[in-house]
C-alpha atoms as a PDB file:
ATOM      1  CA  MET A   1     -16.676  22.689  22.675  1.00  0.00           C
ATOM      2  CA  PHE A   2     -13.304  23.196  21.010  1.00  0.00           C
ATOM      3  CA  ASP A   3     -11.333  24.272  24.061  1.00  0.00           C
ATOM      4  CA  GLY A   4      -7.675  23.560  23.562  1.00  0.00           C
ATOM      5  CA  PHE A   5      -8.064  23.035  19.797  1.00  0.00           C
ATOM      6  CA  ASP A   6      -5.359  24.863  17.843  1.00  0.00           C
ATOM      7  CA  MET A   7      -6.037  25.216  14.091  1.00  0.00           C
ATOM      8  CA  ASN A   8      -2.390  26.083  13.406  1.00  0.00           C
ATOM      9  CA  LYS A   9      -1.275  22.825  15.022  1.00  0.00           C
ATOM     10  CA  MET A  10      -3.922  20.938  13.074  1.00  0.00           C
ATOM     11  CA  SER A  11      -2.760  22.468   9.774  1.00  0.00           C
ATOM     12  CA  GLU A  12       0.870  21.699  10.593  1.00  0.00           C
ATOM     13  CA  MET A  13      -0.040  18.141  11.528  1.00  0.00           C
ATOM     14  CA  MET A  14      -1.962  17.612   8.270  1.00  0.00           C
ATOM     15  CA  SER A  15       1.016  18.866   6.275  1.00  0.00           C
ATOM     16  CA  GLN A  16       3.325  16.470   8.137  1.00  0.00           C
ATOM     17  CA  MET A  17       0.918  13.600   7.482  1.00  0.00           C
ATOM     18  CA  GLN A  18       0.857  14.353   3.750  1.00  0.00           C
ATOM     19  CA  ASP A  19       4.662  14.453   3.619  1.00  0.00           C
ATOM     20  CA  LYS A  20       4.876  11.201   5.575  1.00  0.00           C
ATOM     21  CA  ALA A  21       2.289   9.540   3.279  1.00  0.00           C
ATOM     22  CA  LYS A  22       4.316  10.482   0.186  1.00  0.00           C
ATOM     23  CA  GLU A  23       7.471   9.150   1.802  1.00  0.00           C
ATOM     24  CA  MET A  24       5.741   5.889   2.754  1.00  0.00           C
ATOM     25  CA  GLN A  25       4.406   5.505  -0.779  1.00  0.00           C
ATOM     26  CA  GLU A  26       7.914   5.740  -2.205  1.00  0.00           C
ATOM     27  CA  GLN A  27       9.319   3.361   0.389  1.00  0.00           C
ATOM     28  CA  SER A  28       6.559   0.828  -0.274  1.00  0.00           C
ATOM     29  CA  LYS A  29       8.053   0.123  -3.691  1.00  0.00           C
ATOM     30  CA  ASN A  30      11.082  -1.368  -1.912  1.00  0.00           C
ATOM     31  CA  VAL A  31       9.028  -3.838   0.148  1.00  0.00           C
ATOM     32  CA  GLN A  32       8.205  -7.203  -1.389  1.00  0.00           C
ATOM     33  CA  PHE A  33       5.525  -9.778  -0.596  1.00  0.00           C
ATOM     34  CA  THR A  34       5.602 -13.284  -2.026  1.00  0.00           C
ATOM     35  CA  ALA A  35       2.648 -15.644  -2.148  1.00  0.00           C
ATOM     36  CA  LYS A  36       2.687 -19.286  -3.218  1.00  0.00           C
ATOM     37  CA  ALA A  37      -0.111 -21.636  -4.212  1.00  0.00           C
ATOM     38  CA  GLY A  38      -0.350 -25.262  -5.175  1.00  0.00           C
ATOM     39  CA  GLY A  39       2.642 -26.205  -3.065  1.00  0.00           C
ATOM     40  CA  GLY A  40       4.806 -23.687  -4.912  1.00  0.00           C
ATOM     41  CA  LEU A  41       3.572 -24.477  -8.423  1.00  0.00           C
ATOM     42  CA  VAL A  42       2.629 -20.804  -8.764  1.00  0.00           C
ATOM     43  CA  GLU A  43       4.542 -18.031  -7.017  1.00  0.00           C
ATOM     44  CA  LEU A  44       3.899 -14.291  -7.265  1.00  0.00           C
ATOM     45  CA  THR A  45       5.887 -11.405  -5.837  1.00  0.00           C
ATOM     46  CA  MET A  46       4.318  -7.979  -5.405  1.00  0.00           C
ATOM     47  CA  ASN A  47       5.800  -4.773  -4.053  1.00  0.00           C
ATOM     48  CA  GLY A  48       4.176  -2.679  -1.354  1.00  0.00           C
ATOM     49  CA  ALA A  49       2.665  -0.405  -4.002  1.00  0.00           C
ATOM     50  CA  GLY A  50       0.622  -3.339  -5.326  1.00  0.00           C
ATOM     51  CA  GLU A  51       2.686  -3.850  -8.471  1.00  0.00           C
ATOM     52  CA  VAL A  52       3.418  -7.421  -9.556  1.00  0.00           C
ATOM     53  CA  ILE A  53       7.181  -7.678  -9.967  1.00  0.00           C
ATOM     54  CA  ASP A  54       7.626 -11.415 -10.492  1.00  0.00           C
ATOM     55  CA  LEU A  55       5.523 -14.427 -11.438  1.00  0.00           C
ATOM     56  CA  SER A  56       6.703 -18.009 -11.596  1.00  0.00           C
ATOM     57  CA  ILE A  57       4.574 -20.853 -12.989  1.00  0.00           C
ATOM     58  CA  ASP A  58       5.744 -24.460 -12.934  1.00  0.00           C
ATOM     59  CA  ASP A  59       5.766 -26.033 -16.407  1.00  0.00           C
ATOM     60  CA  THR A  60       3.435 -28.810 -15.242  1.00  0.00           C
ATOM     61  CA  MET A  61       0.651 -26.238 -14.894  1.00  0.00           C
ATOM     62  CA  MET A  62       0.591 -25.379 -18.589  1.00  0.00           C
ATOM     63  CA  ASP A  63      -1.714 -28.293 -19.450  1.00  0.00           C
ATOM     64  CA  ASP A  64      -4.292 -27.528 -16.733  1.00  0.00           C
ATOM     65  CA  LYS A  65      -5.758 -24.106 -17.511  1.00  0.00           C
ATOM     66  CA  VAL A  66      -8.568 -24.268 -14.943  1.00  0.00           C
ATOM     67  CA  HIS A  67      -6.271 -25.250 -12.081  1.00  0.00           C
ATOM     68  CA  LEU A  68      -3.735 -22.609 -13.159  1.00  0.00           C
ATOM     69  CA  GLN A  69      -6.407 -19.907 -13.129  1.00  0.00           C
ATOM     70  CA  ILE A  70      -7.462 -20.883  -9.606  1.00  0.00           C
ATOM     71  CA  LEU A  71      -3.868 -20.826  -8.361  1.00  0.00           C
ATOM     72  CA  LEU A  72      -3.188 -17.470 -10.041  1.00  0.00           C
ATOM     73  CA  MET A  73      -6.244 -15.922  -8.390  1.00  0.00           C
ATOM     74  CA  SER A  74      -5.121 -17.321  -5.057  1.00  0.00           C
ATOM     75  CA  VAL A  75      -1.580 -15.925  -5.196  1.00  0.00           C
ATOM     76  CA  MET A  76      -2.777 -12.544  -6.474  1.00  0.00           C
ATOM     77  CA  ASN A  77      -5.327 -12.251  -3.667  1.00  0.00           C
ATOM     78  CA  ASP A  78      -2.832 -13.384  -1.022  1.00  0.00           C
ATOM     79  CA  ALA A  79      -0.082 -10.998  -2.163  1.00  0.00           C
ATOM     80  CA  ASN A  80      -2.564  -8.133  -2.462  1.00  0.00           C
ATOM     81  CA  LYS A  81      -3.806  -8.766   1.086  1.00  0.00           C
ATOM     82  CA  MET A  82      -0.218  -8.725   2.377  1.00  0.00           C
ATOM     83  CA  ALA A  83       0.422  -5.388   0.650  1.00  0.00           C
ATOM     84  CA  GLU A  84      -2.840  -3.902   1.953  1.00  0.00           C
ATOM     85  CA  ASP A  85      -2.167  -5.097   5.504  1.00  0.00           C
ATOM     86  CA  ASN A  86       1.265  -3.493   5.299  1.00  0.00           C
ATOM     87  CA  LYS A  87      -0.275  -0.191   4.147  1.00  0.00           C
ATOM     88  CA  LYS A  88      -2.751  -0.268   7.036  1.00  0.00           C
ATOM     89  CA  SER A  89       0.011  -1.023   9.512  1.00  0.00           C
ATOM     90  CA  GLN A  90       2.103   1.864   8.202  1.00  0.00           C
ATOM     91  CA  ALA A  91      -0.871   4.226   8.352  1.00  0.00           C
ATOM     92  CA  MET A  92      -1.601   3.257  11.943  1.00  0.00           C
ATOM     93  CA  GLY A  93       2.045   3.821  12.826  1.00  0.00           C
ATOM     94  CA  MET A  94       1.958   7.207  11.138  1.00  0.00           C
ATOM     95  CA  MET A  95      -1.062   8.242  13.216  1.00  0.00           C
ATOM     96  CA  GLY A  96       0.574   7.217  16.478  1.00  0.00           C
ATOM     97  CA  GLY A  97       1.389  10.080  18.754  1.00  0.00           C
ATOM     98  CA  MET A  98      -0.518  12.721  16.818  1.00  0.00           C
ATOM     99  CA  ASN A  99      -3.087  14.584  18.877  1.00  0.00           C
ATOM    100  CA  PRO A 100      -4.574  17.818  17.508  1.00  0.00           C
ATOM    101  CA  PHE A 101      -6.248  18.587  20.852  1.00  0.00           C
ATOM    102  CA  LYS A 102      -3.035  19.210  22.848  1.00  0.00           C
END
C-alpha cells in the first residue's frame, strides 16, 4: 500500500514547507492591495498579512454615515479577498513539485 513511500523524505519535505511558509508570511507584509469604493471616495490599502496600512475617506462622505459604512465594508471585503487570494496562490506555488511518493 505504501510502496515507494519514504518517511525521511516526507519529514524533510514538511520541514521545508514550514520554513517556506514562515518566509512567505514575512514577505507578505511587503505586498500591498488597494481597494476603492464609491468611485474612489473610500480607498483602503492592506498588506498581504491582512493588516490595514492606509485608509482614505473623501471629506464629502463625513455627512453620510450610512453610505460611508457601506463603502467601508466594501473596501475592507475587497482588500481582504485580494490578500486571501494571494495567500492561496502562494500556497499552491509552494506545493508545486513536491511529491512524497517518489
